[in-house]
C-alpha atoms as a PDB file:
ATOM      1  CA  UNK A   1      37.343 161.681 117.877  1.00  0.00           C
ATOM      2  CA  UNK A   2      40.903 162.917 118.521  1.00  0.00           C
ATOM      3  CA  UNK A   3      43.467 160.622 117.027  1.00  0.00           C
ATOM      4  CA  UNK A   4      47.214 160.889 118.111  1.00  0.00           C
ATOM      5  CA  UNK A   5      49.509 161.978 115.296  1.00  0.00           C
ATOM      6  CA  UNK A   6      53.152 160.918 116.349  1.00  0.00           C
ATOM      7  CA  UNK A   7      55.369 163.920 115.119  1.00  0.00           C
ATOM      8  CA  UNK A   8      58.419 165.723 116.327  1.00  0.00           C
ATOM      9  CA  UNK A   9      57.382 169.343 115.814  1.00  0.00           C
ATOM     10  CA  UNK A  10      59.911 170.865 118.227  1.00  0.00           C
ATOM     11  CA  UNK A  11      63.383 172.214 117.487  1.00  0.00           C
ATOM     12  CA  UNK A  12      64.803 170.851 120.690  1.00  0.00           C
ATOM     13  CA  UNK A  13      64.372 167.136 119.517  1.00  0.00           C
ATOM     14  CA  UNK A  14      61.849 166.208 122.166  1.00  0.00           C
ATOM     15  CA  UNK A  15      59.063 164.099 121.125  1.00  0.00           C
ATOM     16  CA  UNK A  16      55.614 165.585 121.049  1.00  0.00           C
ATOM     17  CA  UNK A  17      52.166 164.298 120.346  1.00  0.00           C
ATOM     18  CA  UNK A  18      49.731 166.503 118.313  1.00  0.00           C
ATOM     19  CA  UNK A  19      46.164 165.750 117.700  1.00  0.00           C
ATOM     20  CA  UNK A  20      44.283 165.997 114.557  1.00  0.00           C
ATOM     21  CA  UNK A  21      40.605 166.640 114.815  1.00  0.00           C
ATOM     22  CA  UNK A  22      38.542 164.787 112.306  1.00  0.00           C
ATOM     23  CA  UNK A  23      34.975 165.844 112.633  1.00  0.00           C
ATOM     24  CA  UNK A  24      32.275 163.300 111.693  1.00  0.00           C
ATOM     25  CA  UNK A  25      30.241 164.659 108.986  1.00  0.00           C
ATOM     26  CA  UNK A  26      27.363 163.102 106.629  1.00  0.00           C
ATOM     27  CA  UNK A  27      26.331 163.996 103.290  1.00  0.00           C
ATOM     28  CA  UNK A  28      23.061 163.545 101.275  1.00  0.00           C
ATOM     29  CA  UNK A  29      22.852 163.259  97.445  1.00  0.00           C
ATOM     30  CA  UNK A  30      20.455 165.626  95.720  1.00  0.00           C
ATOM     31  CA  UNK A  31      19.921 167.614  92.503  1.00  0.00           C
ATOM     32  CA  UNK A  32      20.391 170.922  94.202  1.00  0.00           C
ATOM     33  CA  UNK A  33      22.544 172.419  96.976  1.00  0.00           C
ATOM     34  CA  UNK A  34      20.686 172.670 100.028  1.00  0.00           C
ATOM     35  CA  UNK A  35      22.882 175.438 101.607  1.00  0.00           C
ATOM     36  CA  UNK A  36      22.129 179.065 101.155  1.00  0.00           C
ATOM     37  CA  UNK A  37      25.013 181.235 100.016  1.00  0.00           C
ATOM     38  CA  UNK A  38      25.240 184.594 101.551  1.00  0.00           C
ATOM     39  CA  UNK A  39      25.003 187.638  99.378  1.00  0.00           C
ATOM     40  CA  UNK A  40      28.590 188.607 100.121  1.00  0.00           C
ATOM     41  CA  UNK A  41      29.876 185.230  98.836  1.00  0.00           C
ATOM     42  CA  UNK A  42      27.958 185.161  95.526  1.00  0.00           C
ATOM     43  CA  UNK A  43      30.865 186.934  93.875  1.00  0.00           C
ATOM     44  CA  UNK A  44      32.876 183.810  94.250  1.00  0.00           C
ATOM     45  CA  UNK A  45      30.500 181.607  92.343  1.00  0.00           C
ATOM     46  CA  UNK A  46      29.506 180.988  88.640  1.00  0.00           C
ATOM     47  CA  UNK A  47      26.505 182.912  87.565  1.00  0.00           C
ATOM     48  CA  UNK A  48      24.869 179.537  87.029  1.00  0.00           C
ATOM     49  CA  UNK A  49      24.592 179.188  90.781  1.00  0.00           C
ATOM     50  CA  UNK A  50      22.651 182.399  90.937  1.00  0.00           C
ATOM     51  CA  UNK A  51      20.428 182.272  87.876  1.00  0.00           C
ATOM     52  CA  UNK A  52      19.338 179.635  85.547  1.00  0.00           C
ATOM     53  CA  UNK A  53      18.194 180.569  81.955  1.00  0.00           C
ATOM     54  CA  UNK A  54      16.775 177.867  79.647  1.00  0.00           C
ATOM     55  CA  UNK A  55      19.101 177.472  76.552  1.00  0.00           C
ATOM     56  CA  UNK A  56      18.210 179.300  73.266  1.00  0.00           C
ATOM     57  CA  UNK A  57      18.151 177.212  70.112  1.00  0.00           C
ATOM     58  CA  UNK A  58      18.401 178.345  66.578  1.00  0.00           C
ATOM     59  CA  UNK A  59      17.157 175.548  64.284  1.00  0.00           C
ATOM     60  CA  UNK A  60      18.193 175.703  60.705  1.00  0.00           C
ATOM     61  CA  UNK A  61      16.252 174.291  57.699  1.00  0.00           C
ATOM     62  CA  UNK A  62      16.843 174.182  53.995  1.00  0.00           C
ATOM     63  CA  UNK A  63      14.110 173.327  51.448  1.00  0.00           C
ATOM     64  CA  UNK A  64      12.023 171.859  54.354  1.00  0.00           C
ATOM     65  CA  UNK A  65      14.797 169.625  55.726  1.00  0.00           C
ATOM     66  CA  UNK A  66      16.302 170.064  59.108  1.00  0.00           C
ATOM     67  CA  UNK A  67      20.018 171.080  58.551  1.00  0.00           C
ATOM     68  CA  UNK A  68      21.039 171.347  62.322  1.00  0.00           C
ATOM     69  CA  UNK A  69      20.888 173.558  65.303  1.00  0.00           C
ATOM     70  CA  UNK A  70      22.975 176.022  67.519  1.00  0.00           C
ATOM     71  CA  UNK A  71      22.318 176.022  71.085  1.00  0.00           C
ATOM     72  CA  UNK A  72      23.273 179.012  73.336  1.00  0.00           C
ATOM     73  CA  UNK A  73      23.858 178.186  77.099  1.00  0.00           C
ATOM     74  CA  UNK A  74      23.432 181.891  78.244  1.00  0.00           C
ATOM     75  CA  UNK A  75      25.104 183.554  81.146  1.00  0.00           C
ATOM     76  CA  UNK A  76      23.043 186.832  81.379  1.00  0.00           C
ATOM     77  CA  UNK A  77      25.108 188.853  83.825  1.00  0.00           C
ATOM     78  CA  UNK A  78      28.301 188.135  81.955  1.00  0.00           C
ATOM     79  CA  UNK A  79      26.786 188.407  78.521  1.00  0.00           C
ATOM     80  CA  UNK A  80      28.511 185.200  77.557  1.00  0.00           C
ATOM     81  CA  UNK A  81      26.978 182.130  75.896  1.00  0.00           C
ATOM     82  CA  UNK A  82      28.454 178.639  75.643  1.00  0.00           C
ATOM     83  CA  UNK A  83      27.747 177.278  72.061  1.00  0.00           C
ATOM     84  CA  UNK A  84      26.742 173.717  71.153  1.00  0.00           C
ATOM     85  CA  UNK A  85      26.164 173.039  67.462  1.00  0.00           C
ATOM     86  CA  UNK A  86      25.148 170.022  65.236  1.00  0.00           C
ATOM     87  CA  UNK A  87      24.821 169.577  61.599  1.00  0.00           C
ATOM     88  CA  UNK A  88      22.900 166.528  60.325  1.00  0.00           C
ATOM     89  CA  UNK A  89      24.755 164.052  58.232  1.00  0.00           C
ATOM     90  CA  UNK A  90      23.133 164.867  54.940  1.00  0.00           C
ATOM     91  CA  UNK A  91      24.384 168.514  55.270  1.00  0.00           C
ATOM     92  CA  UNK A  92      27.898 167.930  56.588  1.00  0.00           C
ATOM     93  CA  UNK A  93      30.835 168.927  54.457  1.00  0.00           C
ATOM     94  CA  UNK A  94      28.862 171.247  52.296  1.00  0.00           C
ATOM     95  CA  UNK A  95      29.438 174.686  53.901  1.00  0.00           C
ATOM     96  CA  UNK A  96      26.058 174.533  55.956  1.00  0.00           C
ATOM     97  CA  UNK A  97      27.938 174.352  59.295  1.00  0.00           C
ATOM     98  CA  UNK A  98      29.831 177.528  58.583  1.00  0.00           C
ATOM     99  CA  UNK A  99      26.724 179.412  57.431  1.00  0.00           C
ATOM    100  CA  UNK A 100      24.741 178.147  60.424  1.00  0.00           C
ATOM    101  CA  UNK A 101      27.508 179.230  62.919  1.00  0.00           C
ATOM    102  CA  UNK A 102      28.267 182.587  61.142  1.00  0.00           C
ATOM    103  CA  UNK A 103      24.489 183.520  61.347  1.00  0.00           C
ATOM    104  CA  UNK A 104      24.358 182.323  64.987  1.00  0.00           C
ATOM    105  CA  UNK A 105      27.368 184.466  65.942  1.00  0.00           C
ATOM    106  CA  UNK A 106      25.790 187.536  64.171  1.00  0.00           C
ATOM    107  CA  UNK A 107      22.417 186.829  65.921  1.00  0.00           C
ATOM    108  CA  UNK A 108      24.191 186.410  69.425  1.00  0.00           C
ATOM    109  CA  UNK A 109      26.115 189.714  69.103  1.00  0.00           C
ATOM    110  CA  UNK A 110      23.543 191.816  67.383  1.00  0.00           C
ATOM    111  CA  UNK A 111      20.068 190.449  68.859  1.00  0.00           C
ATOM    112  CA  UNK A 112      21.104 188.797  72.175  1.00  0.00           C
ATOM    113  CA  UNK A 113      23.599 191.598  73.122  1.00  0.00           C
ATOM    114  CA  UNK A 114      26.370 188.958  73.885  1.00  0.00           C
ATOM    115  CA  UNK A 115      29.977 190.151  74.630  1.00  0.00           C
ATOM    116  CA  UNK A 116      31.399 186.839  74.070  1.00  0.00           C
ATOM    117  CA  UNK A 117      30.921 183.325  72.891  1.00  0.00           C
ATOM    118  CA  UNK A 118      32.634 180.149  74.108  1.00  0.00           C
ATOM    119  CA  UNK A 119      32.793 176.757  72.550  1.00  0.00           C
ATOM    120  CA  UNK A 120      34.329 173.538  73.897  1.00  0.00           C
ATOM    121  CA  UNK A 121      35.480 171.027  71.329  1.00  0.00           C
ATOM    122  CA  UNK A 122      37.030 167.525  71.578  1.00  0.00           C
ATOM    123  CA  UNK A 123      40.397 167.471  70.037  1.00  0.00           C
ATOM    124  CA  UNK A 124      39.563 164.624  67.735  1.00  0.00           C
ATOM    125  CA  UNK A 125      36.712 166.639  66.149  1.00  0.00           C
ATOM    126  CA  UNK A 126      39.066 168.184  63.599  1.00  0.00           C
ATOM    127  CA  UNK A 127      36.388 169.619  61.407  1.00  0.00           C
ATOM    128  CA  UNK A 128      34.852 171.412  64.318  1.00  0.00           C
ATOM    129  CA  UNK A 129      38.194 172.835  65.316  1.00  0.00           C
ATOM    130  CA  UNK A 130      38.668 174.109  61.684  1.00  0.00           C
ATOM    131  CA  UNK A 131      35.243 175.495  61.546  1.00  0.00           C
ATOM    132  CA  UNK A 132      35.633 177.537  64.751  1.00  0.00           C
ATOM    133  CA  UNK A 133      39.116 178.867  63.659  1.00  0.00           C
ATOM    134  CA  UNK A 134      37.754 179.930  60.311  1.00  0.00           C
ATOM    135  CA  UNK A 135      35.128 182.021  61.946  1.00  0.00           C
ATOM    136  CA  UNK A 136      37.715 183.915  64.135  1.00  0.00           C
ATOM    137  CA  UNK A 137      37.409 181.897  67.363  1.00  0.00           C
ATOM    138  CA  UNK A 138      40.718 181.775  69.267  1.00  0.00           C
ATOM    139  CA  UNK A 139      41.916 178.804  71.344  1.00  0.00           C
ATOM    140  CA  UNK A 140      41.929 179.926  74.980  1.00  0.00           C
ATOM    141  CA  UNK A 141      42.748 176.785  76.819  1.00  0.00           C
ATOM    142  CA  UNK A 142      42.652 173.018  77.153  1.00  0.00           C
ATOM    143  CA  UNK A 143      41.109 170.800  79.672  1.00  0.00           C
ATOM    144  CA  UNK A 144      43.760 167.969  79.570  1.00  0.00           C
ATOM    145  CA  UNK A 145      42.452 164.566  79.001  1.00  0.00           C
ATOM    146  CA  UNK A 146      38.892 165.491  80.038  1.00  0.00           C
ATOM    147  CA  UNK A 147      37.084 163.463  77.449  1.00  0.00           C
ATOM    148  CA  UNK A 148      37.257 159.529  77.294  1.00  0.00           C
ATOM    149  CA  UNK A 149      36.375 158.202  73.804  1.00  0.00           C
ATOM    150  CA  UNK A 150      37.202 154.886  72.023  1.00  0.00           C
ATOM    151  CA  UNK A 151      39.622 153.855  74.871  1.00  0.00           C
ATOM    152  CA  UNK A 152      41.599 156.943  74.932  1.00  0.00           C
ATOM    153  CA  UNK A 153      41.668 160.291  76.741  1.00  0.00           C
ATOM    154  CA  UNK A 154      41.458 163.394  74.820  1.00  0.00           C
ATOM    155  CA  UNK A 155      41.646 167.054  75.466  1.00  0.00           C
ATOM    156  CA  UNK A 156      38.680 169.465  75.492  1.00  0.00           C
ATOM    157  CA  UNK A 157      39.925 172.684  73.628  1.00  0.00           C
ATOM    158  CA  UNK A 158      38.193 175.873  74.904  1.00  0.00           C
ATOM    159  CA  UNK A 159      37.588 178.533  72.076  1.00  0.00           C
ATOM    160  CA  UNK A 160      36.257 182.095  72.462  1.00  0.00           C
ATOM    161  CA  UNK A 161      35.337 185.021  70.276  1.00  0.00           C
ATOM    162  CA  UNK A 162      34.710 188.465  71.628  1.00  0.00           C
ATOM    163  CA  UNK A 163      32.087 191.073  70.106  1.00  0.00           C
ATOM    164  CA  UNK A 164      34.643 193.820  69.146  1.00  0.00           C
ATOM    165  CA  UNK A 165      32.062 195.877  67.513  1.00  0.00           C
ATOM    166  CA  UNK A 166      29.420 195.949  70.290  1.00  0.00           C
ATOM    167  CA  UNK A 167      28.955 197.750  73.516  1.00  0.00           C
ATOM    168  CA  UNK A 168      31.787 196.925  75.849  1.00  0.00           C
ATOM    169  CA  UNK A 169      29.411 197.362  78.953  1.00  0.00           C
ATOM    170  CA  UNK A 170      30.385 200.909  79.577  1.00  0.00           C
ATOM    171  CA  UNK A 171      34.184 200.492  80.314  1.00  0.00           C
END
């Protein structure tokens, strides 16, 4: 309903009343948007809103033991993939992570035709930060205090690397 809002909006000093319209709306909770987006408006949305691709995993082994994995969360149209990687405790600190990630980067650019790769790292994960930098990733931004861990807020650092040797999409 209309609610009066006492304000003096006039230059002549006379009191006026304006009305703010507050529509009554309801919402539902679900696992999907139940509103169709017009074709004209799709350019304003992330590709993930348009197409969902299952992640691609590269699983690494050495002498029959699982070393770890690299996951690619692919954005097909944009030729970008978000990386997640994990090295098992047995293989940490021995160079396996660097080999895994280097091979994964090569695979993404040469076989998956990616133009760029993106990784988000918690700032307290210093070994992962060093690993990405050693492989040519550049810091592109920070999500300030976006991770709560051990009673403290930490930044999430966004890193990226471009495929400078590959097809640039015709531009």
